[in-house]
Amino acid sequence: MTISDLKALINEIVDPSNEMTIGETQSLKHISYDEDKDLVVLKVAMGRLGGEKEKKFRRDIRFYESIR
């Protein structure tokens, strides 16, 4: 899976704080891949931080990262 493929998947995740996708809000600020550590680095802005909505958002992102 390429960075572009991963970005397309991440952009489909819905931010539960505003019910809009990451792509709609253009909240994916950075994405990169560290080959040495086999690690994807994301910087995503979220509508409102905290509580169960943030936990769900983080779980959704982890799920999409795991399928790469």
N, C-alpha and C. Protein backbone atom coordinates (compact mmCIF):
# COMPACT_ATOMS: atom_id res chain seq x y z
N MET A 1 0.85 -1.17 0.00
CA MET A 1 0.00 0.00 0.00
C MET A 1 0.89 1.24 0.00
N THR A 2 0.57 2.18 -0.83
CA THR A 2 1.35 3.41 -0.92
C THR A 2 0.80 4.47 0.03
N ILE A 3 1.56 5.53 0.21
CA ILE A 3 1.11 6.66 1.03
C ILE A 3 -0.18 7.23 0.45
N SER A 4 -0.27 7.31 -0.87
CA SER A 4 -1.48 7.84 -1.52
C SER A 4 -2.69 6.96 -1.22
N ASP A 5 -2.49 5.64 -1.24
CA ASP A 5 -3.58 4.71 -0.91
C ASP A 5 -4.03 4.90 0.53
N LEU A 6 -3.06 4.99 1.43
CA LEU A 6 -3.37 5.17 2.84
C LEU A 6 -4.08 6.51 3.07
N LYS A 7 -3.60 7.54 2.41
CA LYS A 7 -4.23 8.86 2.54
C LYS A 7 -5.69 8.80 2.09
N ALA A 8 -5.96 8.11 0.99
CA ALA A 8 -7.34 7.98 0.50
C ALA A 8 -8.22 7.27 1.54
N LEU A 9 -7.69 6.23 2.19
CA LEU A 9 -8.45 5.53 3.23
C LEU A 9 -8.69 6.42 4.45
N ILE A 10 -7.64 7.09 4.91
CA ILE A 10 -7.75 7.96 6.08
C ILE A 10 -8.75 9.08 5.82
N ASN A 11 -8.76 9.62 4.61
CA ASN A 11 -9.68 10.71 4.28
C ASN A 11 -11.15 10.31 4.36
N GLU A 12 -11.44 9.00 4.40
CA GLU A 12 -12.82 8.52 4.51
C GLU A 12 -13.30 8.39 5.95
N ILE A 13 -12.40 8.48 6.92
CA ILE A 13 -12.79 8.33 8.32
C ILE A 13 -13.62 9.54 8.74
N VAL A 14 -14.70 9.26 9.47
CA VAL A 14 -15.59 10.33 9.94
C VAL A 14 -15.13 10.79 11.32
N ASP A 15 -14.96 12.10 11.45
CA ASP A 15 -14.65 12.72 12.74
C ASP A 15 -15.96 12.78 13.52
N PRO A 16 -16.08 12.03 14.62
CA PRO A 16 -17.35 11.98 15.36
C PRO A 16 -17.72 13.30 16.02
N SER A 17 -16.80 14.23 16.13
CA SER A 17 -17.12 15.51 16.78
C SER A 17 -17.91 16.44 15.86
N ASN A 18 -17.80 16.22 14.53
CA ASN A 18 -18.54 17.09 13.61
C ASN A 18 -19.24 16.32 12.50
N GLU A 19 -19.15 14.98 12.55
CA GLU A 19 -19.80 14.09 11.58
C GLU A 19 -19.39 14.37 10.13
N MET A 20 -18.18 14.85 9.93
CA MET A 20 -17.63 15.06 8.59
C MET A 20 -16.38 14.21 8.44
N THR A 21 -16.06 13.84 7.20
CA THR A 21 -14.87 13.03 6.99
C THR A 21 -13.62 13.89 7.09
N ILE A 22 -12.51 13.23 7.30
CA ILE A 22 -11.22 13.91 7.33
C ILE A 22 -10.97 14.62 6.00
N GLY A 23 -11.37 13.97 4.91
CA GLY A 23 -11.21 14.58 3.59
C GLY A 23 -12.05 15.84 3.42
N GLU A 24 -13.28 15.81 3.92
CA GLU A 24 -14.17 16.98 3.80
C GLU A 24 -13.61 18.19 4.54
N THR A 25 -13.04 17.94 5.70
CA THR A 25 -12.52 19.05 6.52
C THR A 25 -11.05 19.34 6.25
N GLN A 26 -10.45 18.53 5.40
CA GLN A 26 -9.02 18.66 5.09
C GLN A 26 -8.17 18.69 6.37
N SER A 27 -8.51 17.79 7.28
CA SER A 27 -7.84 17.78 8.58
C SER A 27 -6.62 16.86 8.64
N LEU A 28 -6.31 16.15 7.56
CA LEU A 28 -5.07 15.37 7.50
C LEU A 28 -3.95 16.35 7.15
N LYS A 29 -3.15 16.68 8.15
CA LYS A 29 -2.12 17.71 7.98
C LYS A 29 -0.78 17.16 7.54
N HIS A 30 -0.51 15.88 7.88
CA HIS A 30 0.80 15.29 7.54
C HIS A 30 0.65 13.78 7.53
N ILE A 31 1.31 13.14 6.58
CA ILE A 31 1.39 11.68 6.56
C ILE A 31 2.76 11.29 6.00
N SER A 32 3.42 10.37 6.68
CA SER A 32 4.71 9.88 6.20
C SER A 32 4.91 8.45 6.69
N TYR A 33 5.93 7.81 6.13
CA TYR A 33 6.24 6.44 6.49
C TYR A 33 7.72 6.32 6.79
N ASP A 34 8.04 5.78 7.96
CA ASP A 34 9.42 5.54 8.37
C ASP A 34 9.73 4.07 8.10
N GLU A 35 10.48 3.80 7.05
CA GLU A 35 10.79 2.42 6.66
C GLU A 35 11.60 1.68 7.71
N ASP A 36 12.54 2.37 8.35
CA ASP A 36 13.39 1.72 9.34
C ASP A 36 12.58 1.18 10.52
N LYS A 37 11.59 1.93 10.94
CA LYS A 37 10.76 1.54 12.08
C LYS A 37 9.45 0.88 11.67
N ASP A 38 9.17 0.84 10.35
CA ASP A 38 7.90 0.33 9.83
C ASP A 38 6.74 1.03 10.54
N LEU A 39 6.76 2.37 10.46
CA LEU A 39 5.84 3.20 11.22
C LEU A 39 5.24 4.27 10.34
N VAL A 40 3.91 4.41 10.41
CA VAL A 40 3.21 5.49 9.71
C VAL A 40 3.02 6.63 10.69
N VAL A 41 3.35 7.84 10.26
CA VAL A 41 3.20 9.02 11.10
C VAL A 41 2.09 9.89 10.51
N LEU A 42 1.08 10.18 11.33
CA LEU A 42 -0.05 11.01 10.91
C LEU A 42 -0.17 12.22 11.82
N LYS A 43 -0.58 13.32 11.24
CA LYS A 43 -0.95 14.50 12.01
C LYS A 43 -2.34 14.87 11.52
N VAL A 44 -3.34 14.71 12.40
CA VAL A 44 -4.73 14.92 12.04
C VAL A 44 -5.36 15.90 13.02
N ALA A 45 -6.04 16.91 12.49
CA ALA A 45 -6.77 17.85 13.34
C ALA A 45 -8.16 17.26 13.60
N MET A 46 -8.66 17.48 14.81
CA MET A 46 -9.98 16.97 15.18
C MET A 46 -10.82 18.12 15.67
N GLY A 47 -12.13 18.06 15.39
CA GLY A 47 -13.05 19.13 15.79
C GLY A 47 -12.99 19.47 17.26
N ARG A 48 -13.36 18.53 18.11
CA ARG A 48 -13.32 18.74 19.56
C ARG A 48 -12.57 17.59 20.20
N LEU A 49 -11.60 17.93 21.03
CA LEU A 49 -10.81 16.90 21.68
C LEU A 49 -11.44 16.48 22.99
N GLY A 50 -11.21 15.22 23.35
CA GLY A 50 -11.62 14.73 24.64
C GLY A 50 -12.80 13.77 24.58
N GLY A 51 -12.92 12.99 25.64
CA GLY A 51 -14.05 12.11 25.82
C GLY A 51 -14.09 10.91 24.89
N GLU A 52 -15.26 10.32 24.84
CA GLU A 52 -15.47 9.11 24.06
C GLU A 52 -15.33 9.34 22.56
N LYS A 53 -15.70 10.53 22.09
CA LYS A 53 -15.59 10.81 20.66
C LYS A 53 -14.14 10.78 20.20
N GLU A 54 -13.25 11.33 21.02
CA GLU A 54 -11.83 11.29 20.65
C GLU A 54 -11.31 9.86 20.67
N LYS A 55 -11.73 9.08 21.66
CA LYS A 55 -11.29 7.68 21.74
C LYS A 55 -11.74 6.91 20.51
N LYS A 56 -12.99 7.11 20.09
CA LYS A 56 -13.51 6.43 18.90
C LYS A 56 -12.72 6.85 17.67
N PHE A 57 -12.45 8.12 17.53
CA PHE A 57 -11.70 8.66 16.39
C PHE A 57 -10.32 8.02 16.32
N ARG A 58 -9.63 7.93 17.46
CA ARG A 58 -8.31 7.31 17.50
C ARG A 58 -8.37 5.83 17.14
N ARG A 59 -9.40 5.13 17.62
CA ARG A 59 -9.56 3.71 17.28
C ARG A 59 -9.80 3.53 15.78
N ASP A 60 -10.62 4.39 15.20
CA ASP A 60 -10.90 4.31 13.76
C ASP A 60 -9.62 4.50 12.95
N ILE A 61 -8.81 5.46 13.34
CA ILE A 61 -7.55 5.70 12.64
C ILE A 61 -6.62 4.50 12.79
N ARG A 62 -6.54 3.93 13.99
CA ARG A 62 -5.67 2.76 14.20
C ARG A 62 -6.12 1.59 13.33
N PHE A 63 -7.44 1.42 13.17
CA PHE A 63 -7.96 0.35 12.33
C PHE A 63 -7.47 0.53 10.90
N TYR A 64 -7.59 1.73 10.35
CA TYR A 64 -7.17 1.97 8.97
C TYR A 64 -5.67 1.79 8.82
N GLU A 65 -4.90 2.17 9.83
CA GLU A 65 -3.45 1.96 9.76
C GLU A 65 -3.12 0.47 9.76
N SER A 66 -3.91 -0.31 10.50
CA SER A 66 -3.61 -1.74 10.63
C SER A 66 -3.85 -2.51 9.33
N ILE A 67 -4.68 -1.99 8.44
CA ILE A 67 -4.97 -2.72 7.21
C ILE A 67 -4.00 -2.42 6.09
N ARG A 68 -3.05 -1.52 6.35
CA ARG A 68 -2.08 -1.19 5.32
C ARG A 68 -1.22 -2.35 5.09
